[in-house]
Amino acid sequence: MKRLINWKEFAVLFIVIGGLYYITKSWLITGGVLALLLLIDGLLRQYDHKKRGEKQAEDIKKKLEEE
């Protein structure tokens, strides 16, 4: 499956990496914080997709009940 790159997200991530390294001067701390941010981002995306799917299912159910 081909996945498109979100260039805005990539640019923000690059800026965050640069800023963290500038502040900490340590690749280990920067990598750890970055891993936590990516984990949180992934969990929030899963939650959002789940909620959107439930809302779509409710909308379809309401349309079927109306007919």
Protein backbone atom coordinates (compact mmCIF):
# COMPACT_ATOMS: atom_id res chain seq x y z
CA MET A 1 0.00 0.00 0.00
CA LYS A 2 1.43 3.32 -1.04
CA ARG A 3 1.52 5.84 1.76
CA LEU A 4 1.69 9.56 1.06
CA ILE A 5 4.04 11.70 3.11
CA ASN A 6 2.49 14.60 4.97
CA TRP A 7 5.16 17.22 4.32
CA LYS A 8 3.84 19.68 6.91
CA GLU A 9 4.06 17.03 9.62
CA PHE A 10 7.54 16.06 8.43
CA ALA A 11 8.69 19.70 8.60
CA VAL A 12 7.29 20.16 12.12
CA LEU A 13 8.96 16.93 13.23
CA PHE A 14 12.29 18.07 11.78
CA ILE A 15 12.01 21.42 13.61
CA VAL A 16 11.14 19.66 16.87
CA ILE A 17 14.15 17.34 16.51
CA GLY A 18 16.44 20.31 15.86
CA GLY A 19 15.04 22.27 18.79
CA LEU A 20 15.31 19.35 21.19
CA TYR A 21 18.89 18.65 20.16
CA TYR A 22 19.76 22.35 20.53
CA ILE A 23 18.31 22.38 24.06
CA THR A 24 19.65 19.03 25.30
CA LYS A 25 22.85 18.55 23.24
CA SER A 26 22.16 14.81 23.53
CA TRP A 27 20.96 12.46 20.79
CA LEU A 28 19.73 9.94 23.39
CA ILE A 29 17.40 12.37 25.13
CA THR A 30 16.23 13.76 21.81
CA GLY A 31 15.52 10.25 20.53
CA GLY A 32 13.65 9.31 23.70
CA VAL A 33 11.45 12.37 23.64
CA LEU A 34 10.84 11.92 19.92
CA ALA A 35 9.82 8.27 20.46
CA LEU A 36 7.34 9.35 23.14
CA LEU A 37 5.88 12.03 20.87
CA LEU A 38 5.46 9.57 18.00
CA LEU A 39 3.84 7.02 20.31
CA ILE A 40 1.36 9.57 21.62
CA ASP A 41 0.64 10.75 18.06
CA GLY A 42 -0.08 7.19 16.93
CA LEU A 43 -2.39 6.53 19.86
CA LEU A 44 -4.32 9.75 19.26
CA ARG A 45 -4.71 8.90 15.57
CA GLN A 46 -6.09 5.44 16.43
CA TYR A 47 -8.54 6.99 18.89
CA ASP A 48 -9.68 9.54 16.29
CA HIS A 49 -10.17 6.87 13.59
CA LYS A 50 -12.15 4.74 16.04
CA LYS A 51 -14.45 7.63 16.99
CA ARG A 52 -14.98 8.61 13.34
CA GLY A 53 -15.85 5.01 12.49
CA GLU A 54 -18.38 4.81 15.31
CA LYS A 55 -19.97 8.11 14.24
CA GLN A 56 -20.23 6.94 10.63
CA ALA A 57 -21.82 3.68 11.77
CA GLU A 58 -24.40 5.60 13.83
CA ASP A 59 -25.18 7.88 10.87
CA ILE A 60 -25.71 4.90 8.58
CA LYS A 61 -27.92 3.21 11.17
CA LYS A 62 -30.07 6.36 11.51
CA LYS A 63 -30.46 6.63 7.73
CA LEU A 64 -31.54 3.00 7.49
CA GLU A 65 -34.07 3.44 10.31
CA GLU A 66 -35.55 6.51 8.59
CA GLU A 67 -36.18 4.60 5.38
